[in-house]
């Protein structure tokens, strides 16, 4: 199942929790449930569901003198297929300017056309 399919099955609270973790880049679980305005028990259940779905990572941490967990987004597998035409990477990746009339760009477009058959 893809990440987008997994995310589509999240409850409203789980989706809000995932967005909070992604926006902050990581948050302690003791702050997580407060930010979501839910009970600590419900916050723990949301975090557990997101861990089980492999959307976040949870690591034990000490925060303000208490043992809690640090919740952070799980690394995402990046899909570079949209940048590829056959085995050629898009010439627009990089710092140099690309001339739309260049041979490199023309060849890449031709490979795109060939891949779509």
PDB file of N, CA and C in Angstrom:
ATOM      1  N   UNK A   1       0.855  -1.178   0.000  1.00  0.00           N
ATOM      2  CA  UNK A   1       0.000   0.000   0.000  1.00  0.00           C
ATOM      3  C   UNK A   1       0.902   1.243   0.000  1.00  0.00           C
ATOM      4  N   UNK A   2       0.565   2.227  -0.818  1.00  0.00           N
ATOM      5  CA  UNK A   2       1.376   3.437  -0.900  1.00  0.00           C
ATOM      6  C   UNK A   2       1.095   4.359   0.289  1.00  0.00           C
ATOM      7  N   UNK A   3       1.998   5.302   0.495  1.00  0.00           N
ATOM      8  CA  UNK A   3       1.850   6.260   1.592  1.00  0.00           C
ATOM      9  C   UNK A   3       0.553   7.040   1.438  1.00  0.00           C
ATOM     10  N   UNK A   4       0.217   7.449   0.224  1.00  0.00           N
ATOM     11  CA  UNK A   4      -1.009   8.226   0.018  1.00  0.00           C
ATOM     12  C   UNK A   4      -2.248   7.390   0.337  1.00  0.00           C
ATOM     13  N   UNK A   5      -2.210   6.092   0.030  1.00  0.00           N
ATOM     14  CA  UNK A   5      -3.336   5.211   0.372  1.00  0.00           C
ATOM     15  C   UNK A   5      -3.450   5.039   1.879  1.00  0.00           C
ATOM     16  N   UNK A   6      -2.313   4.903   2.548  1.00  0.00           N
ATOM     17  CA  UNK A   6      -2.315   4.788   4.011  1.00  0.00           C
ATOM     18  C   UNK A   6      -2.868   6.062   4.628  1.00  0.00           C
ATOM     19  N   UNK A   7      -2.393   7.212   4.142  1.00  0.00           N
ATOM     20  CA  UNK A   7      -2.859   8.494   4.678  1.00  0.00           C
ATOM     21  C   UNK A   7      -4.347   8.688   4.441  1.00  0.00           C
ATOM     22  N   UNK A   8      -4.869   8.189   3.333  1.00  0.00           N
ATOM     23  CA  UNK A   8      -6.293   8.335   3.026  1.00  0.00           C
ATOM     24  C   UNK A   8      -7.158   7.589   4.043  1.00  0.00           C
ATOM     25  N   UNK A   9      -6.599   6.566   4.681  1.00  0.00           N
ATOM     26  CA  UNK A   9      -7.350   5.777   5.656  1.00  0.00           C
ATOM     27  C   UNK A   9      -7.250   6.309   7.081  1.00  0.00           C
ATOM     28  N   UNK A  10      -6.499   7.389   7.296  1.00  0.00           N
ATOM     29  CA  UNK A  10      -6.348   7.945   8.635  1.00  0.00           C
ATOM     30  C   UNK A  10      -7.633   8.628   9.091  1.00  0.00           C
ATOM     31  N   UNK A  11      -7.861   8.573  10.392  1.00  0.00           N
ATOM     32  CA  UNK A  11      -8.982   9.325  10.959  1.00  0.00           C
ATOM     33  C   UNK A  11      -8.638  10.815  10.909  1.00  0.00           C
ATOM     34  N   UNK A  12      -9.619  11.635  11.174  1.00  0.00           N
ATOM     35  CA  UNK A  12      -9.389  13.085  11.181  1.00  0.00           C
ATOM     36  C   UNK A  12      -8.333  13.461  12.212  1.00  0.00           C
ATOM     37  N   UNK A  13      -8.407  12.876  13.412  1.00  0.00           N
ATOM     38  CA  UNK A  13      -7.426  13.164  14.465  1.00  0.00           C
ATOM     39  C   UNK A  13      -6.030  12.676  14.090  1.00  0.00           C
ATOM     40  N   UNK A  14      -5.942  11.496  13.475  1.00  0.00           N
ATOM     41  CA  UNK A  14      -4.645  10.966  13.052  1.00  0.00           C
ATOM     42  C   UNK A  14      -4.031  11.841  11.966  1.00  0.00           C
ATOM     43  N   UNK A  15      -4.860  12.300  11.056  1.00  0.00           N
ATOM     44  CA  UNK A  15      -4.378  13.187   9.990  1.00  0.00           C
ATOM     45  C   UNK A  15      -3.858  14.499  10.594  1.00  0.00           C
ATOM     46  N   UNK A  16      -4.600  15.063  11.547  1.00  0.00           N
ATOM     47  CA  UNK A  16      -4.170  16.306  12.201  1.00  0.00           C
ATOM     48  C   UNK A  16      -2.853  16.082  12.938  1.00  0.00           C
ATOM     49  N   UNK A  17      -2.715  14.928  13.585  1.00  0.00           N
ATOM     50  CA  UNK A  17      -1.478  14.607  14.295  1.00  0.00           C
ATOM     51  C   UNK A  17      -0.303  14.475  13.350  1.00  0.00           C
ATOM     52  N   UNK A  18      -0.517  13.811  12.228  1.00  0.00           N
ATOM     53  CA  UNK A  18       0.544  13.651  11.237  1.00  0.00           C
ATOM     54  C   UNK A  18       0.967  15.005  10.687  1.00  0.00           C
ATOM     55  N   UNK A  19       0.018  15.855  10.384  1.00  0.00           N
ATOM     56  CA  UNK A  19       0.335  17.191   9.866  1.00  0.00           C
ATOM     57  C   UNK A  19       1.120  17.996  10.895  1.00  0.00           C
ATOM     58  N   UNK A  20       0.740  17.907  12.179  1.00  0.00           N
ATOM     59  CA  UNK A  20       1.452  18.620  13.239  1.00  0.00           C
ATOM     60  C   UNK A  20       2.901  18.146  13.306  1.00  0.00           C
ATOM     61  N   UNK A  21       3.114  16.851  13.252  1.00  0.00           N
ATOM     62  CA  UNK A  21       4.468  16.306  13.322  1.00  0.00           C
ATOM     63  C   UNK A  21       5.276  16.731  12.103  1.00  0.00           C
ATOM     64  N   UNK A  22       4.673  16.714  10.942  1.00  0.00           N
ATOM     65  CA  UNK A  22       5.391  17.129   9.729  1.00  0.00           C
ATOM     66  C   UNK A  22       5.702  18.621   9.741  1.00  0.00           C
ATOM     67  N   UNK A  23       4.748  19.429  10.174  1.00  0.00           N
ATOM     68  CA  UNK A  23       4.952  20.885  10.197  1.00  0.00           C
ATOM     69  C   UNK A  23       6.044  21.286  11.173  1.00  0.00           C
ATOM     70  N   UNK A  24       6.086  20.623  12.337  1.00  0.00           N
ATOM     71  CA  UNK A  24       7.077  20.974  13.354  1.00  0.00           C
ATOM     72  C   UNK A  24       8.417  20.292  13.104  1.00  0.00           C
ATOM     73  N   UNK A  25       8.415  19.244  12.294  1.00  0.00           N
ATOM     74  CA  UNK A  25       9.634  18.488  12.068  1.00  0.00           C
ATOM     75  C   UNK A  25       9.914  17.509  13.191  1.00  0.00           C
ATOM     76  N   UNK A  26       9.087  17.532  14.210  1.00  0.00           N
ATOM     77  CA  UNK A  26       9.209  16.643  15.363  1.00  0.00           C
ATOM     78  C   UNK A  26       8.696  17.345  16.604  1.00  0.00           C
ATOM     79  N   UNK A  27       8.094  16.584  17.496  1.00  0.00           N
ATOM     80  CA  UNK A  27       7.497  17.162  18.699  1.00  0.00           C
ATOM     81  C   UNK A  27       7.495  16.108  19.799  1.00  0.00           C
ATOM     82  N   UNK A  28       7.652  16.553  21.024  1.00  0.00           N
ATOM     83  CA  UNK A  28       7.563  15.619  22.140  1.00  0.00           C
ATOM     84  C   UNK A  28       6.103  15.225  22.348  1.00  0.00           C
ATOM     85  N   UNK A  29       5.901  13.951  22.672  1.00  0.00           N
ATOM     86  CA  UNK A  29       4.532  13.444  22.811  1.00  0.00           C
ATOM     87  C   UNK A  29       3.769  14.195  23.891  1.00  0.00           C
ATOM     88  N   UNK A  30       4.471  14.664  24.921  1.00  0.00           N
ATOM     89  CA  UNK A  30       3.805  15.417  25.988  1.00  0.00           C
ATOM     90  C   UNK A  30       3.256  16.752  25.490  1.00  0.00           C
ATOM     91  N   UNK A  31       3.830  17.303  24.433  1.00  0.00           N
ATOM     92  CA  UNK A  31       3.306  18.522  23.814  1.00  0.00           C
ATOM     93  C   UNK A  31       2.332  18.204  22.680  1.00  0.00           C
ATOM     94  N   UNK A  32       2.531  17.054  22.066  1.00  0.00           N
ATOM     95  CA  UNK A  32       1.722  16.613  20.927  1.00  0.00           C
ATOM     96  C   UNK A  32       0.238  16.614  21.257  1.00  0.00           C
ATOM     97  N   UNK A  33      -0.129  15.930  22.320  1.00  0.00           N
ATOM     98  CA  UNK A  33      -1.554  15.839  22.651  1.00  0.00           C
ATOM     99  C   UNK A  33      -2.118  17.176  23.097  1.00  0.00           C
ATOM    100  N   UNK A  34      -1.279  18.018  23.719  1.00  0.00           N
ATOM    101  CA  UNK A  34      -1.752  19.351  24.116  1.00  0.00           C
ATOM    102  C   UNK A  34      -2.037  20.209  22.882  1.00  0.00           C
ATOM    103  N   UNK A  35      -1.126  20.146  21.899  1.00  0.00           N
ATOM    104  CA  UNK A  35      -1.312  20.915  20.656  1.00  0.00           C
ATOM    105  C   UNK A  35      -2.555  20.453  19.889  1.00  0.00           C
ATOM    106  N   UNK A  36      -2.837  19.148  19.963  1.00  0.00           N
ATOM    107  CA  UNK A  36      -4.025  18.614  19.275  1.00  0.00           C
ATOM    108  C   UNK A  36      -5.300  18.838  20.071  1.00  0.00           C
ATOM    109  N   UNK A  37      -5.136  19.265  21.335  1.00  0.00           N
ATOM    110  CA  UNK A  37      -6.270  19.487  22.240  1.00  0.00           C
ATOM    111  C   UNK A  37      -7.071  18.192  22.452  1.00  0.00           C
ATOM    112  N   UNK A  38      -6.309  17.121  22.769  1.00  0.00           N
ATOM    113  CA  UNK A  38      -6.909  15.829  23.094  1.00  0.00           C
ATOM    114  C   UNK A  38      -6.293  15.348  24.411  1.00  0.00           C
ATOM    115  N   UNK A  39      -6.870  14.325  24.998  1.00  0.00           N
ATOM    116  CA  UNK A  39      -6.320  13.769  26.230  1.00  0.00           C
ATOM    117  C   UNK A  39      -4.984  13.091  25.950  1.00  0.00           C
ATOM    118  N   UNK A  40      -4.189  12.900  26.998  1.00  0.00           N
ATOM    119  CA  UNK A  40      -2.898  12.231  26.804  1.00  0.00           C
ATOM    120  C   UNK A  40      -3.117  10.804  26.307  1.00  0.00           C
ATOM    121  N   UNK A  41      -4.175  10.161  26.778  1.00  0.00           N
ATOM    122  CA  UNK A  41      -4.485   8.799  26.342  1.00  0.00           C
ATOM    123  C   UNK A  41      -4.795   8.755  24.844  1.00  0.00           C
ATOM    124  N   UNK A  42      -5.633   9.705  24.402  1.00  0.00           N
ATOM    125  CA  UNK A  42      -5.981   9.748  22.981  1.00  0.00           C
ATOM    126  C   UNK A  42      -4.756  10.131  22.147  1.00  0.00           C
ATOM    127  N   UNK A  43      -3.944  11.051  22.654  1.00  0.00           N
ATOM    128  CA  UNK A  43      -2.718  11.435  21.961  1.00  0.00           C
ATOM    129  C   UNK A  43      -1.778  10.255  21.792  1.00  0.00           C
ATOM    130  N   UNK A  44      -1.690   9.409  22.823  1.00  0.00           N
ATOM    131  CA  UNK A  44      -0.858   8.204  22.750  1.00  0.00           C
ATOM    132  C   UNK A  44      -1.395   7.240  21.701  1.00  0.00           C
ATOM    133  N   UNK A  45      -2.705   7.101  21.646  1.00  0.00           N
ATOM    134  CA  UNK A  45      -3.318   6.210  20.645  1.00  0.00           C
ATOM    135  C   UNK A  45      -3.088   6.718  19.228  1.00  0.00           C
ATOM    136  N   UNK A  46      -3.183   8.022  19.040  1.00  0.00           N
ATOM    137  CA  UNK A  46      -2.935   8.611  17.722  1.00  0.00           C
ATOM    138  C   UNK A  46      -1.483   8.359  17.314  1.00  0.00           C
ATOM    139  N   UNK A  47      -0.568   8.635  18.246  1.00  0.00           N
ATOM    140  CA  UNK A  47       0.858   8.423  17.953  1.00  0.00           C
ATOM    141  C   UNK A  47       1.125   6.956  17.631  1.00  0.00           C
ATOM    142  N   UNK A  48       0.545   6.047  18.394  1.00  0.00           N
ATOM    143  CA  UNK A  48       0.738   4.613  18.161  1.00  0.00           C
ATOM    144  C   UNK A  48       0.225   4.212  16.781  1.00  0.00           C
ATOM    145  N   UNK A  49      -0.934   4.741  16.386  1.00  0.00           N
ATOM    146  CA  UNK A  49      -1.492   4.424  15.067  1.00  0.00           C
ATOM    147  C   UNK A  49      -0.570   4.921  13.958  1.00  0.00           C
ATOM    148  N   UNK A  50       0.015   6.096  14.142  1.00  0.00           N
ATOM    149  CA  UNK A  50       0.915   6.655  13.129  1.00  0.00           C
ATOM    150  C   UNK A  50       2.231   5.881  13.059  1.00  0.00           C
ATOM    151  N   UNK A  51       2.700   5.402  14.210  1.00  0.00           N
ATOM    152  CA  UNK A  51       3.901   4.549  14.239  1.00  0.00           C
ATOM    153  C   UNK A  51       3.603   3.233  13.537  1.00  0.00           C
ATOM    154  N   UNK A  52       2.464   2.624  13.858  1.00  0.00           N
ATOM    155  CA  UNK A  52       2.082   1.350  13.237  1.00  0.00           C
ATOM    156  C   UNK A  52       1.945   1.475  11.716  1.00  0.00           C
ATOM    157  N   UNK A  53       1.493   2.640  11.260  1.00  0.00           N
ATOM    158  CA  UNK A  53       1.350   2.887   9.819  1.00  0.00           C
ATOM    159  C   UNK A  53       2.685   3.276   9.183  1.00  0.00           C
ATOM    160  N   UNK A  54       3.744   3.352  10.014  1.00  0.00           N
ATOM    161  CA  UNK A  54       5.096   3.713   9.572  1.00  0.00           C
ATOM    162  C   UNK A  54       5.162   5.112   8.963  1.00  0.00           C
ATOM    163  N   UNK A  55       4.300   6.009   9.456  1.00  0.00           N
ATOM    164  CA  UNK A  55       4.299   7.394   8.993  1.00  0.00           C
ATOM    165  C   UNK A  55       5.165   8.288   9.871  1.00  0.00           C
ATOM    166  N   UNK A  56       5.400   7.849  11.126  1.00  0.00           N
ATOM    167  CA  UNK A  56       6.262   8.589  12.044  1.00  0.00           C
ATOM    168  C   UNK A  56       7.182   7.611  12.762  1.00  0.00           C
ATOM    169  N   UNK A  57       8.234   8.180  13.378  1.00  0.00           N
ATOM    170  CA  UNK A  57       9.124   7.416  14.252  1.00  0.00           C
ATOM    171  C   UNK A  57       8.926   7.949  15.659  1.00  0.00           C
ATOM    172  N   UNK A  58       9.043   7.071  16.650  1.00  0.00           N
ATOM    173  CA  UNK A  58       8.879   7.463  18.056  1.00  0.00           C
ATOM    174  C   UNK A  58      10.080   6.948  18.828  1.00  0.00           C
ATOM    175  N   UNK A  59      10.771   7.874  19.509  1.00  0.00           N
ATOM    176  CA  UNK A  59      11.946   7.509  20.288  1.00  0.00           C
ATOM    177  C   UNK A  59      11.782   8.014  21.709  1.00  0.00           C
ATOM    178  N   UNK A  60      12.190   7.186  22.652  1.00  0.00           N
ATOM    179  CA  UNK A  60      12.116   7.592  24.052  1.00  0.00           C
ATOM    180  C   UNK A  60      13.056   8.768  24.275  1.00  0.00           C
ATOM    181  N   UNK A  61      12.613   9.730  25.081  1.00  0.00           N
ATOM    182  CA  UNK A  61      13.400  10.940  25.333  1.00  0.00           C
ATOM    183  C   UNK A  61      13.073  11.474  26.724  1.00  0.00           C
ATOM    184  N   UNK A  62      13.980  12.270  27.256  1.00  0.00           N
ATOM    185  CA  UNK A  62      13.725  12.988  28.503  1.00  0.00           C
ATOM    186  C   UNK A  62      13.494  14.445  28.117  1.00  0.00           C
ATOM    187  N   UNK A  63      12.366  14.987  28.574  1.00  0.00           N
ATOM    188  CA  UNK A  63      11.974  16.347  28.211  1.00  0.00           C
ATOM    189  C   UNK A  63      11.424  17.008  29.452  1.00  0.00           C
ATOM    190  N   UNK A  64      12.012  18.143  29.824  1.00  0.00           N
ATOM    191  CA  UNK A  64      11.628  18.875  31.033  1.00  0.00           C
ATOM    192  C   UNK A  64      11.630  17.965  32.253  1.00  0.00           C
ATOM    193  N   UNK A  65      12.644  17.113  32.324  1.00  0.00           N
ATOM    194  CA  UNK A  65      12.818  16.231  33.469  1.00  0.00           C
ATOM    195  C   UNK A  65      11.926  15.005  33.501  1.00  0.00           C
ATOM    196  N   UNK A  66      11.136  14.792  32.474  1.00  0.00           N
ATOM    197  CA  UNK A  66      10.222  13.647  32.440  1.00  0.00           C
ATOM    198  C   UNK A  66      10.535  12.776  31.223  1.00  0.00           C
ATOM    199  N   UNK A  67      10.298  11.488  31.388  1.00  0.00           N
ATOM    200  CA  UNK A  67      10.463  10.566  30.268  1.00  0.00           C
ATOM    201  C   UNK A  67       9.229  10.644  29.387  1.00  0.00           C
ATOM    202  N   UNK A  68       9.450  10.838  28.117  1.00  0.00           N
ATOM    203  CA  UNK A  68       8.367  10.934  27.138  1.00  0.00           C
ATOM    204  C   UNK A  68       8.890  10.337  25.834  1.00  0.00           C
ATOM    205  N   UNK A  69       8.235  10.624  24.762  1.00  0.00           N
ATOM    206  CA  UNK A  69       8.692  10.185  23.447  1.00  0.00           C
ATOM    207  C   UNK A  69       8.834  11.401  22.551  1.00  0.00           C
ATOM    208  N   UNK A  70       9.782  11.306  21.627  1.00  0.00           N
ATOM    209  CA  UNK A  70       9.907  12.325  20.593  1.00  0.00           C
ATOM    210  C   UNK A  70       9.350  11.728  19.314  1.00  0.00           C
ATOM    211  N   UNK A  71       8.399  12.426  18.718  1.00  0.00           N
ATOM    212  CA  UNK A  71       7.724  11.976  17.501  1.00  0.00           C
ATOM    213  C   UNK A  71       8.256  12.783  16.331  1.00  0.00           C
ATOM    214  N   UNK A  72       8.680  12.086  15.287  1.00  0.00           N
ATOM    215  CA  UNK A  72       9.177  12.791  14.106  1.00  0.00           C
ATOM    216  C   UNK A  72       8.718  12.074  12.846  1.00  0.00           C
ATOM    217  N   UNK A  73       8.638  12.818  11.742  1.00  0.00           N
ATOM    218  CA  UNK A  73       8.187  12.187  10.493  1.00  0.00           C
ATOM    219  C   UNK A  73       9.127  11.055  10.091  1.00  0.00           C
ATOM    220  N   UNK A  74       8.552   9.994   9.576  1.00  0.00           N
ATOM    221  CA  UNK A  74       9.362   8.905   9.031  1.00  0.00           C
ATOM    222  C   UNK A  74       9.943   9.369   7.709  1.00  0.00           C
ATOM    223  N   UNK A  75      11.139   8.927   7.396  1.00  0.00           N
ATOM    224  CA  UNK A  75      11.691   9.297   6.083  1.00  0.00           C
ATOM    225  C   UNK A  75      10.789   8.770   4.975  1.00  0.00           C
ATOM    226  N   UNK A  76      10.612   9.570   3.976  1.00  0.00           N
ATOM    227  CA  UNK A  76       9.762   9.172   2.847  1.00  0.00           C
ATOM    228  C   UNK A  76      10.627   8.643   1.718  1.00  0.00           C
ATOM    229  N   UNK A  77      10.124   7.629   1.045  1.00  0.00           N
ATOM    230  CA  UNK A  77      10.785   7.154  -0.163  1.00  0.00           C
ATOM    231  C   UNK A  77      10.409   8.119  -1.279  1.00  0.00           C
ATOM    232  N   UNK A  78      11.411   8.691  -1.881  1.00  0.00           N
ATOM    233  CA  UNK A  78      11.156   9.652  -2.940  1.00  0.00           C
ATOM    234  C   UNK A  78      11.001   8.934  -4.272  1.00  0.00           C
ATOM    235  N   UNK A  79      10.058   9.400  -5.067  1.00  0.00           N
ATOM    236  CA  UNK A  79       9.793   8.805  -6.373  1.00  0.00           C
ATOM    237  C   UNK A  79      10.347   9.730  -7.451  1.00  0.00           C
ATOM    238  N   UNK A  80      11.447   9.315  -8.048  1.00  0.00           N
ATOM    239  CA  UNK A  80      12.088  10.126  -9.076  1.00  0.00           C
ATOM    240  C   UNK A  80      11.614   9.774 -10.474  1.00  0.00           C
ATOM    241  N   UNK A  81      10.627   8.891 -10.576  1.00  0.00           N
ATOM    242  CA  UNK A  81      10.190   8.428 -11.896  1.00  0.00           C
ATOM    243  C   UNK A  81       9.681   9.558 -12.780  1.00  0.00           C
ATOM    244  N   UNK A  82       9.123  10.607 -12.195  1.00  0.00           N
ATOM    245  CA  UNK A  82       8.619  11.713 -13.007  1.00  0.00           C
ATOM    246  C   UNK A  82       9.740  12.550 -13.618  1.00  0.00           C
ATOM    247  N   UNK A  83      10.964  12.352 -13.129  1.00  0.00           N
ATOM    248  CA  UNK A  83      12.107  13.075 -13.668  1.00  0.00           C
ATOM    249  C   UNK A  83      12.839  12.271 -14.730  1.00  0.00           C
ATOM    250  N   UNK A  84      12.374  11.047 -14.943  1.00  0.00           N
ATOM    251  CA  UNK A  84      13.075  10.142 -15.843  1.00  0.00           C
ATOM    252  C   UNK A  84      12.340   9.991 -17.168  1.00  0.00           C
ATOM    253  N   UNK A  85      13.123   9.815 -18.206  1.00  0.00           N
ATOM    254  CA  UNK A  85      12.618   9.443 -19.531  1.00  0.00           C
ATOM    255  C   UNK A  85      13.525   8.306 -19.973  1.00  0.00           C
ATOM    256  N   UNK A  86      13.013   7.086 -19.890  1.00  0.00           N
ATOM    257  CA  UNK A  86      13.878   5.931 -20.124  1.00  0.00           C
ATOM    258  C   UNK A  86      14.899   5.885 -19.015  1.00  0.00           C
ATOM    259  N   UNK A  87      16.169   5.882 -19.378  1.00  0.00           N
ATOM    260  CA  UNK A  87      17.216   5.901 -18.361  1.00  0.00           C
ATOM    261  C   UNK A  87      17.878   7.274 -18.257  1.00  0.00           C
ATOM    262  N   UNK A  88      17.227   8.286 -18.819  1.00  0.00           N
ATOM    263  CA  UNK A  88      17.774   9.653 -18.799  1.00  0.00           C
ATOM    264  C   UNK A  88      17.074  10.502 -17.747  1.00  0.00           C
ATOM    265  N   UNK A  89      17.859  11.156 -16.913  1.00  0.00           N
ATOM    266  CA  UNK A  89      17.343  12.102 -15.924  1.00  0.00           C
ATOM    267  C   UNK A  89      17.055  13.427 -16.625  1.00  0.00           C
ATOM    268  N   UNK A  90      16.016  14.103 -16.193  1.00  0.00           N
ATOM    269  CA  UNK A  90      15.647  15.380 -16.793  1.00  0.00           C
ATOM    270  C   UNK A  90      16.842  16.332 -16.831  1.00  0.00           C
ATOM    271  N   UNK A  91      17.063  17.011 -17.958  1.00  0.00           N
ATOM    272  CA  UNK A  91      18.158  17.975 -18.035  1.00  0.00           C
ATOM    273  C   UNK A  91      17.894  19.219 -17.185  1.00  0.00           C
ATOM    274  N   UNK A  92      16.689  19.365 -16.665  1.00  0.00           N
ATOM    275  CA  UNK A  92      16.370  20.513 -15.832  1.00  0.00           C
ATOM    276  C   UNK A  92      16.816  20.326 -14.384  1.00  0.00           C
ATOM    277  N   UNK A  93      17.389  19.154 -14.081  1.00  0.00           N
ATOM    278  CA  UNK A  93      17.920  18.912 -12.746  1.00  0.00           C
ATOM    279  C   UNK A  93      19.359  19.392 -12.754  1.00  0.00           C
ATOM    280  N   UNK A  94      19.632  20.361 -11.940  1.00  0.00           N
ATOM    281  CA  UNK A  94      20.982  20.918 -11.887  1.00  0.00           C
ATOM    282  C   UNK A  94      20.918  22.425 -11.888  1.00  0.00           C
ATOM    283  N   UNK A  95      22.073  23.024 -11.872  1.00  0.00           N
ATOM    284  CA  UNK A  95      22.137  24.473 -11.742  1.00  0.00           C
ATOM    285  C   UNK A  95      22.296  25.204 -13.076  1.00  0.00           C
ATOM    286  N   UNK A  96      22.702  24.500 -14.112  1.00  0.00           N
ATOM    287  CA  UNK A  96      22.936  25.176 -15.385  1.00  0.00           C
ATOM    288  C   UNK A  96      21.606  25.464 -16.087  1.00  0.00           C
ATOM    289  N   UNK A  97      21.619  26.499 -16.902  1.00  0.00           N
ATOM    290  CA  UNK A  97      20.441  26.833 -17.697  1.00  0.00           C
ATOM    291  C   UNK A  97      20.349  25.858 -18.867  1.00  0.00           C
ATOM    292  N   UNK A  98      19.143  25.432 -19.181  1.00  0.00           N
ATOM    293  CA  UNK A  98      18.929  24.493 -20.277  1.00  0.00           C
ATOM    294  C   UNK A  98      18.230  25.223 -21.412  1.00  0.00           C
ATOM    295  N   UNK A  99      18.785  25.085 -22.573  1.00  0.00           N
ATOM    296  CA  UNK A  99      18.178  25.646 -23.777  1.00  0.00           C
ATOM    297  C   UNK A  99      17.150  24.631 -24.280  1.00  0.00           C
ATOM    298  N   UNK A 100      15.903  25.046 -24.405  1.00  0.00           N
ATOM    299  CA  UNK A 100      14.836  24.157 -24.858  1.00  0.00           C
ATOM    300  C   UNK A 100      15.094  23.630 -26.271  1.00  0.00           C
ATOM    301  N   UNK A 101      16.042  24.223 -27.008  1.00  0.00           N
ATOM    302  CA  UNK A 101      16.390  23.750 -28.351  1.00  0.00           C
ATOM    303  C   UNK A 101      17.653  22.893 -28.337  1.00  0.00           C
ATOM    304  N   UNK A 102      18.145  22.569 -27.134  1.00  0.00           N
ATOM    305  CA  UNK A 102      19.393  21.798 -27.046  1.00  0.00           C
ATOM    306  C   UNK A 102      19.153  20.330 -27.383  1.00  0.00           C
ATOM    307  N   UNK A 103      20.231  19.656 -27.782  1.00  0.00           N
ATOM    308  CA  UNK A 103      20.155  18.229 -28.085  1.00  0.00           C
ATOM    309  C   UNK A 103      19.774  17.418 -26.845  1.00  0.00           C
ATOM    310  N   UNK A 104      20.301  17.806 -25.675  1.00  0.00           N
ATOM    311  CA  UNK A 104      20.016  17.057 -24.442  1.00  0.00           C
ATOM    312  C   UNK A 104      18.522  17.099 -24.121  1.00  0.00           C
ATOM    313  N   UNK A 105      17.938  18.272 -24.254  1.00  0.00           N
ATOM    314  CA  UNK A 105      16.512  18.398 -23.968  1.00  0.00           C
ATOM    315  C   UNK A 105      15.686  17.652 -25.018  1.00  0.00           C
ATOM    316  N   UNK A 106      16.059  17.798 -26.271  1.00  0.00           N
ATOM    317  CA  UNK A 106      15.324  17.105 -27.343  1.00  0.00           C
ATOM    318  C   UNK A 106      15.359  15.600 -27.144  1.00  0.00           C
ATOM    319  N   UNK A 107      16.522  15.061 -26.811  1.00  0.00           N
ATOM    320  CA  UNK A 107      16.648  13.621 -26.598  1.00  0.00           C
ATOM    321  C   UNK A 107      15.788  13.169 -25.419  1.00  0.00           C
ATOM    322  N   UNK A 108      15.770  13.960 -24.353  1.00  0.00           N
ATOM    323  CA  UNK A 108      14.972  13.622 -23.168  1.00  0.00           C
ATOM    324  C   UNK A 108      13.481  13.584 -23.525  1.00  0.00           C
ATOM    325  N   UNK A 109      13.021  14.586 -24.277  1.00  0.00           N
ATOM    326  CA  UNK A 109      11.620  14.638 -24.709  1.00  0.00           C
ATOM    327  C   UNK A 109      11.292  13.450 -25.608  1.00  0.00           C
ATOM    328  N   UNK A 110      12.207  13.104 -26.489  1.00  0.00           N
ATOM    329  CA  UNK A 110      11.986  11.946 -27.363  1.00  0.00           C
ATOM    330  C   UNK A 110      11.855  10.665 -26.536  1.00  0.00           C
ATOM    331  N   UNK A 111      12.647  10.537 -25.496  1.00  0.00           N
ATOM    332  CA  UNK A 111      12.546   9.370 -24.613  1.00  0.00           C
ATOM    333  C   UNK A 111      11.223   9.366 -23.867  1.00  0.00           C
ATOM    334  N   UNK A 112      10.729  10.545 -23.510  1.00  0.00           N
ATOM    335  CA  UNK A 112       9.423  10.630 -22.857  1.00  0.00           C
ATOM    336  C   UNK A 112       8.349  10.087 -23.799  1.00  0.00           C
ATOM    337  N   UNK A 113       8.394  10.532 -25.033  1.00  0.00           N
ATOM    338  CA  UNK A 113       7.410  10.102 -26.019  1.00  0.00           C
ATOM    339  C   UNK A 113       7.491   8.590 -26.228  1.00  0.00           C
ATOM    340  N   UNK A 114       8.702   8.045 -26.255  1.00  0.00           N
ATOM    341  CA  UNK A 114       8.891   6.619 -26.452  1.00  0.00           C
ATOM    342  C   UNK A 114       8.361   5.829 -25.239  1.00  0.00           C
ATOM    343  N   UNK A 115       8.599   6.350 -24.019  1.00  0.00           N
ATOM    344  CA  UNK A 115       8.139   5.693 -22.780  1.00  0.00           C
ATOM    345  C   UNK A 115       6.615   5.638 -22.699  1.00  0.00           C
ATOM    346  N   UNK A 116       5.930   6.608 -23.278  1.00  0.00           N
ATOM    347  CA  UNK A 116       4.478   6.676 -23.147  1.00  0.00           C
ATOM    348  C   UNK A 116       3.744   5.698 -24.057  1.00  0.00           C
ATOM    349  N   UNK A 117       4.469   5.053 -24.959  1.00  0.00           N
ATOM    350  CA  UNK A 117       3.827   4.084 -25.870  1.00  0.00           C
ATOM    351  C   UNK A 117       3.474   2.818 -25.173  1.00  0.00           C
TER     352      UNK A 117
END
